[in-house]
Amino acid sequence: MAVKKKLSFEEALGLLEGSAESLKRDGVTLEESLKNFEAGMDYYNQCMEILSEAKQRIEVYTKGGEE
């Protein structure tokens, strides 16, 4: 299950939390667990990408102020 649309950090984090909660529920089949895990990894990767981009932007601004 791939993330299709570009989400905000807050949206992706909320969906990641939802995927994690789904994995904790009783009575979830292995197949459902795998789908939730895959979706969670997609949301995790999207969060990490957004954070990495933000870090790069911050570094640009802070290096610009040092000159």
N, C-alpha and C. Protein backbone atom coordinates (compact mmCIF):
# COMPACT_ATOMS: atom_id res chain seq x y z
N MET A 1 0.85 -1.17 0.00
CA MET A 1 0.00 0.00 0.00
C MET A 1 0.89 1.23 0.00
N ALA A 2 0.95 1.93 -1.08
CA ALA A 2 1.81 3.10 -1.20
C ALA A 2 1.00 4.36 -0.92
N VAL A 3 1.67 5.33 -0.34
CA VAL A 3 1.05 6.62 -0.10
C VAL A 3 0.97 7.33 -1.44
N LYS A 4 -0.23 7.70 -1.85
CA LYS A 4 -0.42 8.28 -3.18
C LYS A 4 -0.26 9.79 -3.18
N LYS A 5 -0.93 10.49 -2.25
CA LYS A 5 -0.89 11.95 -2.28
C LYS A 5 0.13 12.47 -1.27
N LYS A 6 0.61 13.65 -1.55
CA LYS A 6 1.58 14.29 -0.67
C LYS A 6 0.83 14.80 0.56
N LEU A 7 1.21 14.31 1.71
CA LEU A 7 0.57 14.68 2.96
C LEU A 7 1.42 15.69 3.70
N SER A 8 0.78 16.46 4.57
CA SER A 8 1.55 17.31 5.47
C SER A 8 2.19 16.41 6.52
N PHE A 9 3.16 16.95 7.23
CA PHE A 9 3.81 16.18 8.29
C PHE A 9 2.78 15.72 9.32
N GLU A 10 1.90 16.63 9.69
CA GLU A 10 0.90 16.31 10.71
C GLU A 10 -0.06 15.22 10.25
N GLU A 11 -0.45 15.27 8.99
CA GLU A 11 -1.34 14.22 8.45
C GLU A 11 -0.63 12.87 8.44
N ALA A 12 0.61 12.86 7.93
CA ALA A 12 1.36 11.61 7.85
C ALA A 12 1.62 11.04 9.23
N LEU A 13 1.95 11.89 10.19
CA LEU A 13 2.20 11.43 11.55
C LEU A 13 0.93 10.86 12.17
N GLY A 14 -0.19 11.51 11.95
CA GLY A 14 -1.46 10.99 12.46
C GLY A 14 -1.80 9.63 11.88
N LEU A 15 -1.58 9.47 10.60
CA LEU A 15 -1.85 8.19 9.96
C LEU A 15 -0.86 7.12 10.43
N LEU A 16 0.38 7.51 10.66
CA LEU A 16 1.37 6.57 11.21
C LEU A 16 0.94 6.10 12.59
N GLU A 17 0.48 7.03 13.41
CA GLU A 17 0.00 6.66 14.74
C GLU A 17 -1.21 5.72 14.64
N GLY A 18 -2.10 5.99 13.68
CA GLY A 18 -3.26 5.13 13.47
C GLY A 18 -2.85 3.72 13.05
N SER A 19 -1.84 3.63 12.19
CA SER A 19 -1.35 2.31 11.77
C SER A 19 -0.76 1.55 12.95
N ALA A 20 -0.02 2.27 13.79
CA ALA A 20 0.59 1.63 14.96
C ALA A 20 -0.50 1.14 15.92
N GLU A 21 -1.53 1.92 16.12
CA GLU A 21 -2.63 1.51 17.00
C GLU A 21 -3.35 0.29 16.43
N SER A 22 -3.50 0.24 15.11
CA SER A 22 -4.15 -0.90 14.48
C SER A 22 -3.38 -2.19 14.72
N LEU A 23 -2.06 -2.08 14.77
CA LEU A 23 -1.23 -3.26 15.01
C LEU A 23 -1.37 -3.79 16.44
N LYS A 24 -1.78 -2.93 17.35
CA LYS A 24 -1.91 -3.32 18.76
C LYS A 24 -3.25 -4.00 19.08
N ARG A 25 -4.22 -3.86 18.19
CA ARG A 25 -5.55 -4.41 18.45
C ARG A 25 -5.55 -5.92 18.47
N ASP A 26 -6.40 -6.47 19.30
CA ASP A 26 -6.61 -7.92 19.32
C ASP A 26 -7.48 -8.33 18.14
N GLY A 27 -7.29 -9.54 17.69
CA GLY A 27 -8.14 -10.09 16.65
C GLY A 27 -7.81 -9.64 15.24
N VAL A 28 -6.67 -9.00 15.06
CA VAL A 28 -6.27 -8.55 13.73
C VAL A 28 -5.56 -9.71 13.03
N THR A 29 -5.95 -9.98 11.80
CA THR A 29 -5.33 -11.08 11.06
C THR A 29 -3.91 -10.71 10.65
N LEU A 30 -3.15 -11.70 10.29
CA LEU A 30 -1.79 -11.48 9.83
C LEU A 30 -1.80 -10.59 8.59
N GLU A 31 -2.71 -10.85 7.67
CA GLU A 31 -2.79 -10.05 6.45
C GLU A 31 -3.08 -8.58 6.76
N GLU A 32 -4.03 -8.34 7.67
CA GLU A 32 -4.34 -6.96 8.07
C GLU A 32 -3.15 -6.31 8.75
N SER A 33 -2.46 -7.08 9.57
CA SER A 33 -1.27 -6.56 10.25
C SER A 33 -0.19 -6.16 9.25
N LEU A 34 0.01 -6.99 8.24
CA LEU A 34 1.01 -6.68 7.22
C LEU A 34 0.63 -5.42 6.44
N LYS A 35 -0.63 -5.28 6.10
CA LYS A 35 -1.08 -4.08 5.40
C LYS A 35 -0.89 -2.84 6.26
N ASN A 36 -1.24 -2.94 7.55
CA ASN A 36 -1.05 -1.82 8.45
C ASN A 36 0.43 -1.48 8.62
N PHE A 37 1.26 -2.51 8.69
CA PHE A 37 2.70 -2.29 8.82
C PHE A 37 3.25 -1.59 7.58
N GLU A 38 2.87 -2.08 6.40
CA GLU A 38 3.34 -1.47 5.15
C GLU A 38 2.88 -0.01 5.04
N ALA A 39 1.63 0.24 5.37
CA ALA A 39 1.12 1.61 5.33
C ALA A 39 1.88 2.47 6.33
N GLY A 40 2.11 1.93 7.52
CA GLY A 40 2.86 2.67 8.53
C GLY A 40 4.26 3.01 8.07
N MET A 41 4.91 2.08 7.39
CA MET A 41 6.26 2.36 6.88
C MET A 41 6.24 3.45 5.81
N ASP A 42 5.20 3.45 4.98
CA ASP A 42 5.07 4.52 3.99
C ASP A 42 4.92 5.88 4.68
N TYR A 43 4.07 5.93 5.71
CA TYR A 43 3.87 7.19 6.43
C TYR A 43 5.14 7.59 7.18
N TYR A 44 5.84 6.62 7.75
CA TYR A 44 7.10 6.90 8.43
C TYR A 44 8.12 7.50 7.46
N ASN A 45 8.24 6.88 6.30
CA ASN A 45 9.19 7.39 5.30
C ASN A 45 8.83 8.79 4.84
N GLN A 46 7.54 9.05 4.70
CA GLN A 46 7.13 10.39 4.29
C GLN A 46 7.44 11.40 5.39
N CYS A 47 7.22 11.04 6.65
CA CYS A 47 7.57 11.93 7.76
C CYS A 47 9.07 12.22 7.76
N MET A 48 9.87 11.18 7.57
CA MET A 48 11.33 11.36 7.57
C MET A 48 11.78 12.25 6.41
N GLU A 49 11.15 12.11 5.27
CA GLU A 49 11.48 12.96 4.12
C GLU A 49 11.16 14.42 4.42
N ILE A 50 10.01 14.67 5.00
CA ILE A 50 9.61 16.04 5.34
C ILE A 50 10.57 16.62 6.37
N LEU A 51 10.93 15.84 7.38
CA LEU A 51 11.87 16.32 8.40
C LEU A 51 13.25 16.60 7.81
N SER A 52 13.69 15.76 6.90
CA SER A 52 14.98 15.95 6.26
C SER A 52 14.99 17.24 5.44
N GLU A 53 13.92 17.48 4.71
CA GLU A 53 13.81 18.72 3.92
C GLU A 53 13.81 19.94 4.84
N ALA A 54 13.11 19.84 5.96
CA ALA A 54 13.07 20.96 6.91
C ALA A 54 14.46 21.20 7.50
N LYS A 55 15.16 20.14 7.83
CA LYS A 55 16.51 20.27 8.38
C LYS A 55 17.44 20.96 7.38
N GLN A 56 17.35 20.57 6.12
CA GLN A 56 18.18 21.19 5.09
C GLN A 56 17.87 22.68 4.96
N ARG A 57 16.61 23.03 5.01
CA ARG A 57 16.23 24.45 4.92
C ARG A 57 16.75 25.23 6.10
N ILE A 58 16.67 24.65 7.29
CA ILE A 58 17.17 25.32 8.49
C ILE A 58 18.68 25.52 8.40
N GLU A 59 19.39 24.50 7.91
CA GLU A 59 20.84 24.61 7.76
C GLU A 59 21.22 25.72 6.77
N VAL A 60 20.45 25.86 5.70
CA VAL A 60 20.70 26.93 4.73
C VAL A 60 20.57 28.28 5.41
N TYR A 61 19.53 28.46 6.19
CA TYR A 61 19.30 29.74 6.85
C TYR A 61 20.34 30.02 7.92
N THR A 62 20.70 29.00 8.68
CA THR A 62 21.67 29.23 9.75
C THR A 62 23.07 29.47 9.19
N LYS A 63 23.43 28.79 8.11
CA LYS A 63 24.73 29.04 7.47
C LYS A 63 24.76 30.40 6.82
N GLY A 64 23.65 30.86 6.29
CA GLY A 64 23.57 32.18 5.69
C GLY A 64 23.75 33.28 6.71
N GLY A 65 23.31 33.03 7.93
CA GLY A 65 23.46 34.01 9.01
C GLY A 65 24.85 34.06 9.59
N GLU A 66 25.65 33.02 9.38
CA GLU A 66 27.00 32.98 9.92
C GLU A 66 27.99 33.76 9.07
N GLU A 67 27.64 34.03 7.81
CA GLU A 67 28.59 34.67 6.91
C GLU A 67 28.68 36.14 7.12
